[in-house]
Amino acid sequence: MQLHPSPSSPRRKIKITFSLHPLRKSYYTKTNNNGKENTIMKQNFHIFVDADACPVVAEIERIASKYSLPVTLLYDTNHILTLEYCETIMVSAGRDSVDLALINRTKRGDVVVTQDFGVAALALGKSAFVMHQNGWQYTNDNIDGLLADRHWGKKIRGSAHNRYRSQHKKKRTSRDNKKFASAFEVLIVKRLEETGSPVK
């Protein structure tokens, strides 16, 4: 038996609206390589780190965790990294293997940390934001000069002057790491504001 509404009964329009909790919309849970679950904010950018012999991994992890940002560290089989928050990807040892793996994953707007000028140039070519481990940023204005310096540095490698400089190379200090952390956090906050993301 079918029921039909009475002609005299007015039809009521029911308006249904759907809303998502802001945390459900903006965050997700991811398990890292060590089996630990972390809350990650859905973002329009990702942090990639050239982690081979990188001295500021702890600072990057602390800041990325503070803002719940996705971060991936890439390194080869000659290194071992065990972290609580960051995703880590080990690639086979080989010339430029980590560099190529990092660049293949980088997209427009991502943040890249590397001390390799060549990697920085490729990342800038993909419209990424690139920072050196010493806390200064690579730009389209300075990358050509940096690559030229690297070229001439290779030319004089092995000379008496270069051996003297290697023997007297300044050791890295905690102040250098703090300088990087400060500059890196400024960049991260800037990217969050540019993408309209909430800043803690």
N, C-alpha and C. Protein backbone atom coordinates (compact mmCIF):
# COMPACT_ATOMS: atom_id res chain seq x y z
N MET A 1 0.84 -1.19 0.00
CA MET A 1 0.00 0.00 0.00
C MET A 1 0.88 1.24 0.00
N GLN A 2 0.58 2.20 -0.87
CA GLN A 2 1.34 3.43 -0.96
C GLN A 2 0.59 4.57 -0.28
N LEU A 3 1.32 5.39 0.40
CA LEU A 3 0.73 6.54 1.08
C LEU A 3 1.04 7.79 0.28
N HIS A 4 0.03 8.63 0.07
CA HIS A 4 0.21 9.87 -0.67
C HIS A 4 -0.16 11.03 0.25
N PRO A 5 0.56 12.12 0.17
CA PRO A 5 0.24 13.26 1.01
C PRO A 5 -1.10 13.87 0.63
N SER A 6 -1.78 14.36 1.62
CA SER A 6 -3.08 15.00 1.37
C SER A 6 -2.86 16.29 0.60
N PRO A 7 -3.72 16.55 -0.40
CA PRO A 7 -3.56 17.78 -1.18
C PRO A 7 -3.64 19.02 -0.32
N SER A 8 -4.33 18.91 0.79
CA SER A 8 -4.48 20.09 1.62
C SER A 8 -3.29 20.31 2.55
N SER A 9 -2.39 19.32 2.62
CA SER A 9 -1.24 19.44 3.52
C SER A 9 -0.10 20.17 2.80
N PRO A 10 0.35 21.32 3.33
CA PRO A 10 1.44 22.05 2.69
C PRO A 10 2.75 21.28 2.81
N ARG A 11 3.53 21.32 1.76
CA ARG A 11 4.82 20.65 1.77
C ARG A 11 5.86 21.55 2.42
N ARG A 12 6.58 21.00 3.37
CA ARG A 12 7.62 21.78 4.04
C ARG A 12 8.97 21.48 3.42
N LYS A 13 9.71 22.51 3.15
CA LYS A 13 11.06 22.35 2.61
C LYS A 13 12.04 22.24 3.77
N ILE A 14 12.80 21.21 3.74
CA ILE A 14 13.79 20.99 4.78
C ILE A 14 15.18 21.28 4.22
N LYS A 15 15.89 22.19 4.83
CA LYS A 15 17.23 22.56 4.39
C LYS A 15 18.25 21.80 5.23
N ILE A 16 19.06 21.04 4.56
CA ILE A 16 20.09 20.26 5.25
C ILE A 16 21.45 20.84 4.92
N THR A 17 22.22 21.13 5.94
CA THR A 17 23.58 21.66 5.73
C THR A 17 24.57 20.71 6.39
N PHE A 18 25.73 20.62 5.78
CA PHE A 18 26.79 19.76 6.30
C PHE A 18 27.97 20.65 6.68
N SER A 19 28.58 20.34 7.80
CA SER A 19 29.77 21.08 8.22
C SER A 19 30.79 20.10 8.75
N LEU A 20 32.03 20.39 8.50
CA LEU A 20 33.13 19.55 8.97
C LEU A 20 33.82 20.25 10.11
N HIS A 21 34.17 19.49 11.12
CA HIS A 21 34.94 20.04 12.22
C HIS A 21 36.26 20.53 11.66
N PRO A 22 36.71 21.72 12.02
CA PRO A 22 37.94 22.26 11.44
C PRO A 22 39.14 21.34 11.62
N LEU A 23 39.22 20.62 12.73
CA LEU A 23 40.35 19.73 12.91
C LEU A 23 40.26 18.52 11.99
N ARG A 24 39.04 18.03 11.76
CA ARG A 24 38.88 16.91 10.84
C ARG A 24 39.23 17.32 9.42
N LYS A 25 38.95 18.53 9.10
CA LYS A 25 39.20 19.01 7.75
C LYS A 25 40.67 19.30 7.51
N SER A 26 41.39 19.73 8.54
CA SER A 26 42.73 20.24 8.35
C SER A 26 43.84 19.30 8.77
N TYR A 27 43.50 18.23 9.49
CA TYR A 27 44.54 17.37 10.03
C TYR A 27 44.29 15.91 9.69
N TYR A 28 45.36 15.14 9.67
CA TYR A 28 45.24 13.69 9.52
C TYR A 28 46.34 13.04 10.35
N THR A 29 46.20 11.76 10.60
CA THR A 29 47.17 11.03 11.41
C THR A 29 48.02 10.15 10.52
N LYS A 30 49.33 10.20 10.74
CA LYS A 30 50.25 9.41 9.94
C LYS A 30 51.22 8.68 10.85
N THR A 31 51.50 7.45 10.52
CA THR A 31 52.46 6.66 11.29
C THR A 31 53.83 6.75 10.61
N ASN A 32 54.86 7.13 11.38
CA ASN A 32 56.18 7.28 10.79
C ASN A 32 56.89 5.94 10.72
N ASN A 33 58.14 5.97 10.27
CA ASN A 33 58.89 4.74 10.05
C ASN A 33 59.10 3.94 11.33
N ASN A 34 59.04 4.60 12.47
CA ASN A 34 59.25 3.92 13.75
C ASN A 34 57.96 3.43 14.38
N GLY A 35 56.84 3.58 13.66
CA GLY A 35 55.56 3.11 14.18
C GLY A 35 54.84 4.10 15.07
N LYS A 36 55.35 5.33 15.16
CA LYS A 36 54.70 6.33 16.00
C LYS A 36 53.70 7.14 15.18
N GLU A 37 52.51 7.34 15.76
CA GLU A 37 51.48 8.12 15.08
C GLU A 37 51.67 9.61 15.39
N ASN A 38 51.60 10.43 14.36
CA ASN A 38 51.72 11.88 14.52
C ASN A 38 50.57 12.56 13.81
N THR A 39 50.12 13.67 14.37
CA THR A 39 49.06 14.46 13.75
C THR A 39 49.69 15.45 12.79
N ILE A 40 49.31 15.36 11.53
CA ILE A 40 49.89 16.19 10.48
C ILE A 40 48.81 17.10 9.90
N MET A 41 49.16 18.36 9.65
CA MET A 41 48.21 19.28 9.05
C MET A 41 48.23 19.14 7.53
N LYS A 42 47.04 19.01 6.94
CA LYS A 42 46.96 18.99 5.48
C LYS A 42 47.46 20.32 4.95
N GLN A 43 48.43 20.25 4.04
CA GLN A 43 49.09 21.46 3.61
C GLN A 43 49.21 21.54 2.10
N ASN A 44 49.40 22.77 1.64
CA ASN A 44 49.68 22.98 0.23
C ASN A 44 51.18 22.91 -0.05
N PHE A 45 51.96 22.68 0.99
CA PHE A 45 53.41 22.53 0.78
C PHE A 45 53.97 21.47 1.71
N HIS A 46 55.11 20.93 1.29
CA HIS A 46 55.77 19.85 2.02
C HIS A 46 57.21 20.28 2.27
N ILE A 47 57.80 19.82 3.36
CA ILE A 47 59.20 20.11 3.66
C ILE A 47 60.04 18.90 3.27
N PHE A 48 61.05 19.12 2.44
CA PHE A 48 61.97 18.05 2.05
C PHE A 48 63.38 18.43 2.49
N VAL A 49 64.10 17.47 3.04
CA VAL A 49 65.43 17.74 3.57
C VAL A 49 66.45 16.80 2.94
N ASP A 50 67.50 17.39 2.39
CA ASP A 50 68.66 16.64 1.93
C ASP A 50 69.46 16.28 3.18
N ALA A 51 69.19 15.10 3.74
CA ALA A 51 69.62 14.79 5.11
C ALA A 51 71.01 14.17 5.22
N ASP A 52 71.67 13.93 4.11
CA ASP A 52 73.03 13.39 4.18
C ASP A 52 73.94 14.40 4.88
N ALA A 53 74.44 14.04 6.05
CA ALA A 53 75.35 14.90 6.83
C ALA A 53 74.73 16.25 7.15
N CYS A 54 73.42 16.30 7.29
CA CYS A 54 72.74 17.57 7.62
C CYS A 54 72.81 17.79 9.14
N PRO A 55 73.38 18.93 9.59
CA PRO A 55 73.56 19.16 11.02
C PRO A 55 72.35 19.75 11.74
N VAL A 56 71.28 20.03 11.01
CA VAL A 56 70.13 20.72 11.62
C VAL A 56 68.86 19.88 11.56
N VAL A 57 69.00 18.58 11.53
CA VAL A 57 67.84 17.69 11.48
C VAL A 57 66.96 17.87 12.72
N ALA A 58 67.58 17.97 13.88
CA ALA A 58 66.81 18.13 15.12
C ALA A 58 65.99 19.41 15.11
N GLU A 59 66.58 20.50 14.60
CA GLU A 59 65.87 21.78 14.55
C GLU A 59 64.70 21.72 13.56
N ILE A 60 64.92 21.06 12.43
CA ILE A 60 63.85 20.93 11.43
C ILE A 60 62.70 20.11 12.00
N GLU A 61 63.02 19.01 12.66
CA GLU A 61 61.98 18.16 13.23
C GLU A 61 61.19 18.90 14.30
N ARG A 62 61.88 19.65 15.14
CA ARG A 62 61.21 20.38 16.22
C ARG A 62 60.23 21.40 15.65
N ILE A 63 60.64 22.15 14.65
CA ILE A 63 59.79 23.20 14.09
C ILE A 63 58.65 22.60 13.28
N ALA A 64 58.94 21.57 12.50
CA ALA A 64 57.88 20.91 11.72
C ALA A 64 56.83 20.31 12.66
N SER A 65 57.27 19.71 13.75
CA SER A 65 56.35 19.14 14.73
C SER A 65 55.53 20.23 15.41
N LYS A 66 56.16 21.35 15.70
CA LYS A 66 55.47 22.47 16.35
C LYS A 66 54.28 22.94 15.54
N TYR A 67 54.43 22.97 14.21
CA TYR A 67 53.36 23.45 13.33
C TYR A 67 52.61 22.29 12.65
N SER A 68 52.90 21.06 13.07
CA SER A 68 52.23 19.86 12.52
C SER A 68 52.33 19.78 11.01
N LEU A 69 53.53 20.03 10.50
CA LEU A 69 53.74 20.06 9.06
C LEU A 69 54.35 18.75 8.55
N PRO A 70 54.01 18.35 7.34
CA PRO A 70 54.61 17.15 6.76
C PRO A 70 56.06 17.41 6.36
N VAL A 71 56.96 16.53 6.77
CA VAL A 71 58.38 16.70 6.46
C VAL A 71 58.98 15.34 6.14
N THR A 72 59.80 15.30 5.11
CA THR A 72 60.45 14.08 4.67
C THR A 72 61.95 14.30 4.57
N LEU A 73 62.72 13.42 5.20
CA LEU A 73 64.18 13.46 5.13
C LEU A 73 64.65 12.35 4.21
N LEU A 74 65.49 12.70 3.26
CA LEU A 74 66.02 11.71 2.33
C LEU A 74 67.51 11.55 2.57
N TYR A 75 67.97 10.30 2.61
CA TYR A 75 69.38 10.03 2.86
C TYR A 75 69.74 8.69 2.22
N ASP A 76 71.06 8.44 2.06
CA ASP A 76 71.46 7.19 1.43
C ASP A 76 71.85 6.15 2.47
N THR A 77 72.22 4.98 2.00
CA THR A 77 72.47 3.85 2.88
C THR A 77 73.75 4.00 3.71
N ASN A 78 74.52 5.04 3.47
CA ASN A 78 75.71 5.29 4.27
C ASN A 78 75.39 6.00 5.58
N HIS A 79 74.11 6.36 5.77
CA HIS A 79 73.70 7.07 6.98
C HIS A 79 72.53 6.34 7.64
N ILE A 80 72.37 6.58 8.93
CA ILE A 80 71.26 6.00 9.68
C ILE A 80 70.54 7.12 10.42
N LEU A 81 69.23 7.23 10.22
CA LEU A 81 68.43 8.24 10.89
C LEU A 81 67.25 7.59 11.60
N THR A 82 67.07 7.90 12.86
CA THR A 82 65.93 7.42 13.63
C THR A 82 65.27 8.62 14.28
N LEU A 83 64.06 8.95 13.83
CA LEU A 83 63.38 10.15 14.29
C LEU A 83 61.98 9.84 14.78
N GLU A 84 61.48 10.69 15.66
CA GLU A 84 60.16 10.49 16.25
C GLU A 84 59.04 11.01 15.36
N TYR A 85 59.31 12.09 14.63
CA TYR A 85 58.23 12.78 13.91
C TYR A 85 58.37 12.67 12.39
N CYS A 86 59.55 12.92 11.89
CA CYS A 86 59.75 13.03 10.44
C CYS A 86 59.61 11.69 9.73
N GLU A 87 59.12 11.78 8.49
CA GLU A 87 59.19 10.62 7.60
C GLU A 87 60.61 10.55 7.05
N THR A 88 61.16 9.35 6.98
CA THR A 88 62.51 9.19 6.44
C THR A 88 62.47 8.23 5.26
N ILE A 89 63.23 8.56 4.24
CA ILE A 89 63.32 7.72 3.05
C ILE A 89 64.79 7.44 2.76
N MET A 90 65.15 6.16 2.77
CA MET A 90 66.52 5.76 2.46
C MET A 90 66.59 5.34 0.99
N VAL A 91 67.55 5.90 0.28
CA VAL A 91 67.75 5.54 -1.12
C VAL A 91 69.11 4.88 -1.25
N SER A 92 69.29 4.14 -2.32
CA SER A 92 70.55 3.42 -2.51
C SER A 92 71.70 4.41 -2.66
N ALA A 93 72.84 4.03 -2.11
CA ALA A 93 74.02 4.90 -2.19
C ALA A 93 74.45 5.02 -3.64
N GLY A 94 74.81 6.19 -4.02
CA GLY A 94 75.23 6.43 -5.40
C GLY A 94 75.30 7.92 -5.65
N ARG A 95 76.07 8.30 -6.61
CA ARG A 95 76.24 9.72 -6.91
C ARG A 95 74.90 10.36 -7.26
N ASP A 96 74.53 11.38 -6.54
CA ASP A 96 73.32 12.18 -6.78
C ASP A 96 72.03 11.40 -6.56
N SER A 97 72.08 10.23 -5.93
CA SER A 97 70.86 9.44 -5.76
C SER A 97 69.86 10.15 -4.84
N VAL A 98 70.36 10.70 -3.74
CA VAL A 98 69.47 11.43 -2.82
C VAL A 98 68.96 12.70 -3.49
N ASP A 99 69.85 13.39 -4.20
CA ASP A 99 69.46 14.63 -4.86
C ASP A 99 68.32 14.41 -5.85
N LEU A 100 68.44 13.38 -6.67
CA LEU A 100 67.41 13.09 -7.66
C LEU A 100 66.10 12.68 -7.01
N ALA A 101 66.19 11.86 -5.95
CA ALA A 101 64.98 11.43 -5.25
C ALA A 101 64.25 12.62 -4.64
N LEU A 102 65.01 13.56 -4.10
CA LEU A 102 64.41 14.76 -3.49
C LEU A 102 63.74 15.64 -4.55
N ILE A 103 64.46 15.91 -5.61
CA ILE A 103 63.92 16.80 -6.65
C ILE A 103 62.70 16.18 -7.32
N ASN A 104 62.69 14.87 -7.52
CA ASN A 104 61.54 14.20 -8.14
C ASN A 104 60.28 14.35 -7.30
N ARG A 105 60.44 14.53 -5.99
CA ARG A 105 59.29 14.67 -5.09
C ARG A 105 58.87 16.12 -4.88
N THR A 106 59.74 17.04 -5.20
CA THR A 106 59.49 18.46 -4.92
C THR A 106 58.52 19.05 -5.93
N LYS A 107 57.60 19.86 -5.42
CA LYS A 107 56.66 20.56 -6.30
C LYS A 107 56.63 22.04 -5.93
N ARG A 108 55.92 22.79 -6.71
CA ARG A 108 55.81 24.23 -6.52
C ARG A 108 55.34 24.57 -5.11
N GLY A 109 56.04 25.49 -4.45
CA GLY A 109 55.64 25.94 -3.13
C GLY A 109 56.21 25.14 -1.97
N ASP A 110 56.87 24.01 -2.25
CA ASP A 110 57.47 23.22 -1.18
C ASP A 110 58.67 23.95 -0.56
N VAL A 111 59.08 23.48 0.60
CA VAL A 111 60.27 24.02 1.28
C VAL A 111 61.35 22.95 1.27
N VAL A 112 62.53 23.32 0.80
CA VAL A 112 63.65 22.38 0.68
C VAL A 112 64.82 22.89 1.50
N VAL A 113 65.48 21.99 2.24
CA VAL A 113 66.70 22.34 2.98
C VAL A 113 67.84 21.51 2.41
N THR A 114 68.88 22.18 1.92
CA THR A 114 70.03 21.50 1.34
C THR A 114 71.25 22.41 1.40
N GLN A 115 72.42 21.79 1.45
CA GLN A 115 73.65 22.56 1.35
C GLN A 115 74.26 22.45 -0.04
N ASP A 116 73.60 21.70 -0.90
CA ASP A 116 74.09 21.48 -2.26
C ASP A 116 73.54 22.55 -3.20
N PHE A 117 74.41 23.33 -3.78
CA PHE A 117 73.97 24.42 -4.66
C PHE A 117 73.25 23.89 -5.90
N GLY A 118 73.68 22.74 -6.40
CA GLY A 118 73.02 22.16 -7.57
C GLY A 118 71.60 21.75 -7.28
N VAL A 119 71.38 21.11 -6.13
CA VAL A 119 70.03 20.73 -5.71
C VAL A 119 69.18 21.98 -5.52
N ALA A 120 69.78 23.01 -4.93
CA ALA A 120 69.05 24.26 -4.70
C ALA A 120 68.60 24.86 -6.03
N ALA A 121 69.47 24.84 -7.02
CA ALA A 121 69.13 25.41 -8.32
C ALA A 121 67.96 24.65 -8.95
N LEU A 122 67.98 23.32 -8.86
CA LEU A 122 66.89 22.53 -9.43
C LEU A 122 65.59 22.77 -8.68
N ALA A 123 65.67 22.90 -7.36
CA ALA A 123 64.46 23.15 -6.56
C ALA A 123 63.88 24.53 -6.87
N LEU A 124 64.75 25.52 -7.03
CA LEU A 124 64.27 26.85 -7.41
C LEU A 124 63.60 26.80 -8.79
N GLY A 125 64.12 25.95 -9.67
CA GLY A 125 63.52 25.79 -10.99
C GLY A 125 62.11 25.23 -10.93
N LYS A 126 61.79 24.55 -9.82
CA LYS A 126 60.43 24.02 -9.62
C LYS A 126 59.60 24.94 -8.71
N SER A 127 60.09 26.17 -8.52
CA SER A 127 59.39 27.19 -7.73
C SER A 127 59.23 26.79 -6.27
N ALA A 128 60.24 26.10 -5.72
CA ALA A 128 60.25 25.78 -4.30
C ALA A 128 60.99 26.86 -3.53
N PHE A 129 60.84 26.86 -2.22
CA PHE A 129 61.57 27.77 -1.34
C PHE A 129 62.72 26.97 -0.73
N VAL A 130 63.94 27.45 -0.91
CA VAL A 130 65.11 26.65 -0.57
C VAL A 130 65.99 27.37 0.44
N MET A 131 66.39 26.63 1.49
CA MET A 131 67.21 27.21 2.55
C MET A 131 68.46 26.38 2.77
N HIS A 132 69.56 27.08 3.04
CA HIS A 132 70.83 26.44 3.37
C HIS A 132 70.86 26.13 4.86
N GLN A 133 71.65 25.15 5.24
CA GLN A 133 71.74 24.76 6.64
C GLN A 133 72.33 25.85 7.54
N ASN A 134 72.91 26.88 6.93
CA ASN A 134 73.45 27.99 7.71
C ASN A 134 72.42 29.10 7.93
N GLY A 135 71.20 28.90 7.43
CA GLY A 135 70.13 29.84 7.74
C GLY A 135 69.89 30.93 6.72
N TRP A 136 70.53 30.86 5.57
CA TRP A 136 70.23 31.84 4.52
C TRP A 136 69.49 31.14 3.38
N GLN A 137 68.74 31.95 2.64
CA GLN A 137 67.85 31.40 1.63
C GLN A 137 68.43 31.56 0.23
N TYR A 138 68.32 30.49 -0.55
CA TYR A 138 68.69 30.56 -1.97
C TYR A 138 67.59 31.32 -2.71
N THR A 139 67.98 32.12 -3.67
CA THR A 139 67.01 32.85 -4.48
C THR A 139 67.45 32.82 -5.94
N ASN A 140 66.56 33.23 -6.81
CA ASN A 140 66.92 33.33 -8.23
C ASN A 140 67.97 34.42 -8.46
N ASP A 141 68.12 35.32 -7.50
CA ASP A 141 69.10 36.40 -7.64
C ASP A 141 70.52 35.97 -7.23
N ASN A 142 70.62 35.00 -6.31
CA ASN A 142 71.97 34.64 -5.85
C ASN A 142 72.46 33.28 -6.33
N ILE A 143 71.58 32.47 -6.92
CA ILE A 143 71.98 31.11 -7.25
C ILE A 143 73.06 31.05 -8.33
N ASP A 144 73.02 31.95 -9.32
CA ASP A 144 74.04 31.92 -10.37
C ASP A 144 75.42 32.19 -9.81
N GLY A 145 75.52 33.16 -8.91
CA GLY A 145 76.80 33.47 -8.30
C GLY A 145 77.31 32.32 -7.44
N LEU A 146 76.40 31.65 -6.74
CA LEU A 146 76.79 30.52 -5.90
C LEU A 146 77.30 29.36 -6.75
N LEU A 147 76.64 29.10 -7.87
CA LEU A 147 77.08 28.03 -8.76
C LEU A 147 78.43 28.36 -9.38
N ALA A 148 78.65 29.64 -9.70
CA ALA A 148 79.95 30.06 -10.24
C ALA A 148 81.05 29.86 -9.21
N ASP A 149 80.76 30.21 -7.96
CA ASP A 149 81.74 30.01 -6.89
C ASP A 149 82.07 28.53 -6.73
N ARG A 150 81.06 27.68 -6.83
CA ARG A 150 81.30 26.25 -6.71
C ARG A 150 82.17 25.75 -7.85
N HIS A 151 81.93 26.27 -9.04
CA HIS A 151 82.72 25.87 -10.20
C HIS A 151 84.19 26.22 -10.01
N TRP A 152 84.45 27.44 -9.58
CA TRP A 152 85.84 27.85 -9.39
C TRP A 152 86.46 27.16 -8.19
N GLY A 153 85.65 26.81 -7.23
CA GLY A 153 86.15 26.05 -6.09
C GLY A 153 86.67 24.68 -6.51
N LYS A 154 85.97 24.06 -7.46
CA LYS A 154 86.44 22.78 -7.98
C LYS A 154 87.73 22.94 -8.76
N LYS A 155 87.89 24.08 -9.42
CA LYS A 155 89.09 24.32 -10.20
C LYS A 155 90.34 24.35 -9.34
N ILE A 156 90.19 24.93 -8.14
CA ILE A 156 91.37 25.09 -7.29
C ILE A 156 91.48 23.98 -6.24
N ARG A 157 90.58 22.98 -6.32
CA ARG A 157 90.62 21.90 -5.35
C ARG A 157 91.96 21.16 -5.45
N GLY A 158 92.54 20.91 -4.31
CA GLY A 158 93.81 20.21 -4.28
C GLY A 158 95.01 21.14 -4.23
N SER A 159 94.78 22.44 -4.42
CA SER A 159 95.89 23.39 -4.36
C SER A 159 96.32 23.59 -2.92
N ALA A 160 97.52 24.15 -2.71
CA ALA A 160 98.03 24.39 -1.36
C ALA A 160 97.11 25.32 -0.61
N HIS A 161 96.55 26.33 -1.30
CA HIS A 161 95.66 27.29 -0.67
C HIS A 161 94.40 26.60 -0.16
N ASN A 162 93.86 25.70 -1.00
CA ASN A 162 92.64 25.02 -0.62
C ASN A 162 92.88 24.06 0.54
N ARG A 163 94.04 23.38 0.56
CA ARG A 163 94.37 22.48 1.67
C ARG A 163 94.49 23.26 2.97
N TYR A 164 95.04 24.47 2.87
CA TYR A 164 95.16 25.30 4.07
C TYR A 164 93.79 25.68 4.61
N ARG A 165 92.87 26.06 3.71
CA ARG A 165 91.52 26.43 4.11
C ARG A 165 90.79 25.25 4.74
N SER A 166 91.00 24.02 4.20
CA SER A 166 90.34 22.84 4.73
C SER A 166 90.81 22.53 6.14
N GLN A 167 92.11 22.75 6.38
CA GLN A 167 92.65 22.48 7.70
C GLN A 167 92.17 23.48 8.73
N HIS A 168 91.80 24.68 8.29
CA HIS A 168 91.39 25.74 9.19
C HIS A 168 89.90 26.07 9.04
N LYS A 169 89.13 25.09 8.62
CA LYS A 169 87.71 25.31 8.45
C LYS A 169 87.04 25.52 9.80
N LYS A 170 86.19 26.51 9.88
CA LYS A 170 85.52 26.84 11.13
C LYS A 170 84.54 25.75 11.53
N LYS A 171 84.63 25.33 12.79
CA LYS A 171 83.74 24.30 13.29
C LYS A 171 82.34 24.86 13.53
N ARG A 172 81.36 24.02 13.29
CA ARG A 172 79.97 24.45 13.50
C ARG A 172 79.67 24.48 15.00
N THR A 173 78.89 25.47 15.41
CA THR A 173 78.56 25.63 16.82
C THR A 173 77.04 25.61 17.01
N SER A 174 76.61 25.55 18.27
CA SER A 174 75.18 25.58 18.57
C SER A 174 74.56 26.90 18.14
N ARG A 175 75.37 27.96 18.12
CA ARG A 175 74.87 29.26 17.66
C ARG A 175 74.47 29.19 16.19
N ASP A 176 75.25 28.45 15.39
CA ASP A 176 74.92 28.28 13.97
C ASP A 176 73.57 27.57 13.82
N ASN A 177 73.34 26.56 14.65
CA ASN A 177 72.06 25.83 14.59
C ASN A 177 70.89 26.71 15.01
N LYS A 178 71.12 27.54 16.01
CA LYS A 178 70.06 28.45 16.46
C LYS A 178 69.74 29.48 15.37
N LYS A 179 70.77 29.93 14.68
CA LYS A 179 70.57 30.89 13.59
C LYS A 179 69.72 30.25 12.49
N PHE A 180 70.03 29.01 12.16
CA PHE A 180 69.23 28.31 11.16
C PHE A 180 67.79 28.17 11.63
N ALA A 181 67.60 27.71 12.87
CA ALA A 181 66.26 27.46 13.39
C ALA A 181 65.41 28.71 13.34
N SER A 182 66.00 29.84 13.69
CA SER A 182 65.27 31.11 13.68
C SER A 182 64.82 31.47 12.26
N ALA A 183 65.75 31.38 11.31
CA ALA A 183 65.43 31.73 9.92
C ALA A 183 64.45 30.73 9.31
N PHE A 184 64.61 29.45 9.65
CA PHE A 184 63.73 28.42 9.12
C PHE A 184 62.30 28.61 9.61
N GLU A 185 62.15 28.95 10.89
CA GLU A 185 60.80 29.15 11.43
C GLU A 185 60.15 30.37 10.81
N VAL A 186 60.92 31.41 10.56
CA VAL A 186 60.37 32.60 9.88
C VAL A 186 59.83 32.21 8.51
N LEU A 187 60.58 31.40 7.77
CA LEU A 187 60.15 30.96 6.45
C LEU A 187 58.89 30.12 6.54
N ILE A 188 58.83 29.21 7.52
CA ILE A 188 57.66 28.34 7.68
C ILE A 188 56.41 29.15 8.00
N VAL A 189 56.54 30.09 8.91
CA VAL A 189 55.39 30.94 9.26
C VAL A 189 54.93 31.74 8.05
N LYS A 190 55.88 32.23 7.27
CA LYS A 190 55.54 32.98 6.06
C LYS A 190 54.77 32.11 5.08
N ARG A 191 55.21 30.86 4.90
CA ARG A 191 54.52 29.96 3.98
C ARG A 191 53.11 29.63 4.49
N LEU A 192 52.98 29.45 5.80
CA LEU A 192 51.65 29.18 6.36
C LEU A 192 50.71 30.35 6.11
N GLU A 193 51.20 31.57 6.32
CA GLU A 193 50.37 32.75 6.09
C GLU A 193 50.02 32.89 4.61
N GLU A 194 50.96 32.59 3.73
CA GLU A 194 50.71 32.69 2.29
C GLU A 194 49.67 31.68 1.82
N THR A 195 49.63 30.52 2.47
CA THR A 195 48.67 29.49 2.06
C THR A 195 47.37 29.56 2.86
N GLY A 196 47.26 30.57 3.74
CA GLY A 196 46.03 30.74 4.49
C GLY A 196 45.82 29.69 5.56
N SER A 197 46.90 29.07 6.03
CA SER A 197 46.80 28.04 7.05
C SER A 197 46.88 28.65 8.44
N PRO A 198 46.26 28.00 9.42
CA PRO A 198 46.34 28.52 10.79
C PRO A 198 47.76 28.42 11.34
N VAL A 199 48.18 29.46 12.05
CA VAL A 199 49.51 29.48 12.66
C VAL A 199 49.32 29.34 14.15
N LYS A 200 49.97 28.34 14.74
CA LYS A 200 49.82 28.10 16.18
C LYS A 200 50.43 29.25 16.97
